[in-house]
Amino acid sequence: MFGKAKVLSRKQVKEICSIFKCQKNEFVARKFEDGYLVSVRSKEYRVKFSEGFSPKIVYAKEVQRVAKK
């Protein structure tokens, strides 16, 4: 069987859960440009992590959705 490729490490998942106060199955993350696009509770955030052994969120900003016509 084929495994799903992991986008985030366990420490990054734990950091997202602590910042956004959610469980690990309540958000979706995708690689986006130089960071990640995280969807939590029908809102999207652009998130960047620090480098190193213990990654911390250094940038988190809500992204406005644009509806297609």
C-alpha atoms as a PDB file:
ATOM      1  CA  MET A   1       0.000   0.000   0.000  1.00  0.00           C
ATOM      2  CA  PHE A   2       1.020   3.561  -0.535  1.00  0.00           C
ATOM      3  CA  GLY A   3       1.355   5.919   2.404  1.00  0.00           C
ATOM      4  CA  LYS A   4       0.261   9.530   2.355  1.00  0.00           C
ATOM      5  CA  ALA A   5       3.169  11.956   2.190  1.00  0.00           C
ATOM      6  CA  LYS A   6       3.431  14.022   5.346  1.00  0.00           C
ATOM      7  CA  VAL A   7       3.350  17.763   4.883  1.00  0.00           C
ATOM      8  CA  LEU A   8       3.995  18.737   8.510  1.00  0.00           C
ATOM      9  CA  SER A   9       6.149  17.213  11.218  1.00  0.00           C
ATOM     10  CA  ARG A  10       4.655  16.174  14.558  1.00  0.00           C
ATOM     11  CA  LYS A  11       6.113  19.253  16.245  1.00  0.00           C
ATOM     12  CA  GLN A  12       4.613  21.556  13.629  1.00  0.00           C
ATOM     13  CA  VAL A  13       1.185  19.920  14.094  1.00  0.00           C
ATOM     14  CA  LYS A  14       1.467  20.364  17.855  1.00  0.00           C
ATOM     15  CA  GLU A  15       2.396  24.037  17.423  1.00  0.00           C
ATOM     16  CA  ILE A  16      -0.589  24.680  15.100  1.00  0.00           C
ATOM     17  CA  CYS A  17      -2.933  22.982  17.578  1.00  0.00           C
ATOM     18  CA  SER A  18      -1.663  25.108  20.467  1.00  0.00           C
ATOM     19  CA  ILE A  19      -1.836  28.419  18.562  1.00  0.00           C
ATOM     20  CA  PHE A  20      -5.260  27.870  16.960  1.00  0.00           C
ATOM     21  CA  LYS A  21      -6.700  25.826  19.877  1.00  0.00           C
ATOM     22  CA  CYS A  22      -7.832  22.864  17.812  1.00  0.00           C
ATOM     23  CA  GLN A  23      -7.293  19.117  17.557  1.00  0.00           C
ATOM     24  CA  LYS A  24      -4.971  17.558  14.999  1.00  0.00           C
ATOM     25  CA  ASN A  25      -7.910  16.340  12.903  1.00  0.00           C
ATOM     26  CA  GLU A  26      -9.638  19.760  12.806  1.00  0.00           C
ATOM     27  CA  PHE A  27      -7.312  21.509  10.357  1.00  0.00           C
ATOM     28  CA  VAL A  28      -5.824  21.017   6.904  1.00  0.00           C
ATOM     29  CA  ALA A  29      -2.382  22.224   5.848  1.00  0.00           C
ATOM     30  CA  ARG A  30      -0.843  22.595   2.394  1.00  0.00           C
ATOM     31  CA  LYS A  31       2.567  23.735   1.268  1.00  0.00           C
ATOM     32  CA  PHE A  32       2.191  27.284  -0.064  1.00  0.00           C
ATOM     33  CA  GLU A  33       5.039  29.341  -1.553  1.00  0.00           C
ATOM     34  CA  ASP A  34       7.536  29.708   1.320  1.00  0.00           C
ATOM     35  CA  GLY A  35       5.202  28.591   4.131  1.00  0.00           C
ATOM     36  CA  TYR A  36       1.945  26.738   4.627  1.00  0.00           C
ATOM     37  CA  LEU A  37      -1.732  27.440   4.049  1.00  0.00           C
ATOM     38  CA  VAL A  38      -3.688  26.228   7.089  1.00  0.00           C
ATOM     39  CA  SER A  39      -7.496  25.954   7.084  1.00  0.00           C
ATOM     40  CA  VAL A  40      -9.150  25.980  10.518  1.00  0.00           C
ATOM     41  CA  ARG A  41     -12.866  26.494  11.226  1.00  0.00           C
ATOM     42  CA  SER A  42     -13.685  27.811   7.722  1.00  0.00           C
ATOM     43  CA  LYS A  43     -10.849  30.352   7.832  1.00  0.00           C
ATOM     44  CA  GLU A  44      -7.511  30.196   6.070  1.00  0.00           C
ATOM     45  CA  TYR A  45      -4.200  31.344   7.505  1.00  0.00           C
ATOM     46  CA  ARG A  46      -0.804  31.777   5.961  1.00  0.00           C
ATOM     47  CA  VAL A  47       1.721  30.296   8.404  1.00  0.00           C
ATOM     48  CA  LYS A  48       5.513  30.273   8.509  1.00  0.00           C
ATOM     49  CA  PHE A  49       7.657  28.252  10.905  1.00  0.00           C
ATOM     50  CA  SER A  50      11.088  28.993  12.338  1.00  0.00           C
ATOM     51  CA  GLU A  51      13.990  26.791  11.361  1.00  0.00           C
ATOM     52  CA  GLY A  52      15.632  24.415  13.783  1.00  0.00           C
ATOM     53  CA  PHE A  53      14.938  21.502  16.076  1.00  0.00           C
ATOM     54  CA  SER A  54      11.834  22.945  17.726  1.00  0.00           C
ATOM     55  CA  PRO A  55       9.818  24.850  15.095  1.00  0.00           C
ATOM     56  CA  LYS A  56       7.692  27.762  16.306  1.00  0.00           C
ATOM     57  CA  ILE A  57       5.161  29.780  14.343  1.00  0.00           C
ATOM     58  CA  VAL A  58       6.763  33.107  13.474  1.00  0.00           C
ATOM     59  CA  TYR A  59       4.082  34.366  11.086  1.00  0.00           C
ATOM     60  CA  ALA A  60       0.344  33.696  11.008  1.00  0.00           C
ATOM     61  CA  LYS A  61      -2.042  35.934   9.096  1.00  0.00           C
ATOM     62  CA  GLU A  62      -5.605  35.338   7.984  1.00  0.00           C
ATOM     63  CA  VAL A  63      -6.079  35.188   4.223  1.00  0.00           C
ATOM     64  CA  GLN A  64      -9.251  36.586   2.661  1.00  0.00           C
ATOM     65  CA  ARG A  65     -10.960  34.228   0.250  1.00  0.00           C
ATOM     66  CA  VAL A  66     -11.882  35.564  -3.158  1.00  0.00           C
ATOM     67  CA  ALA A  67     -14.958  34.054  -4.769  1.00  0.00           C
ATOM     68  CA  LYS A  68     -14.741  33.118  -8.436  1.00  0.00           C
ATOM     69  CA  LYS A  69     -17.423  34.538 -10.697  1.00  0.00           C
END
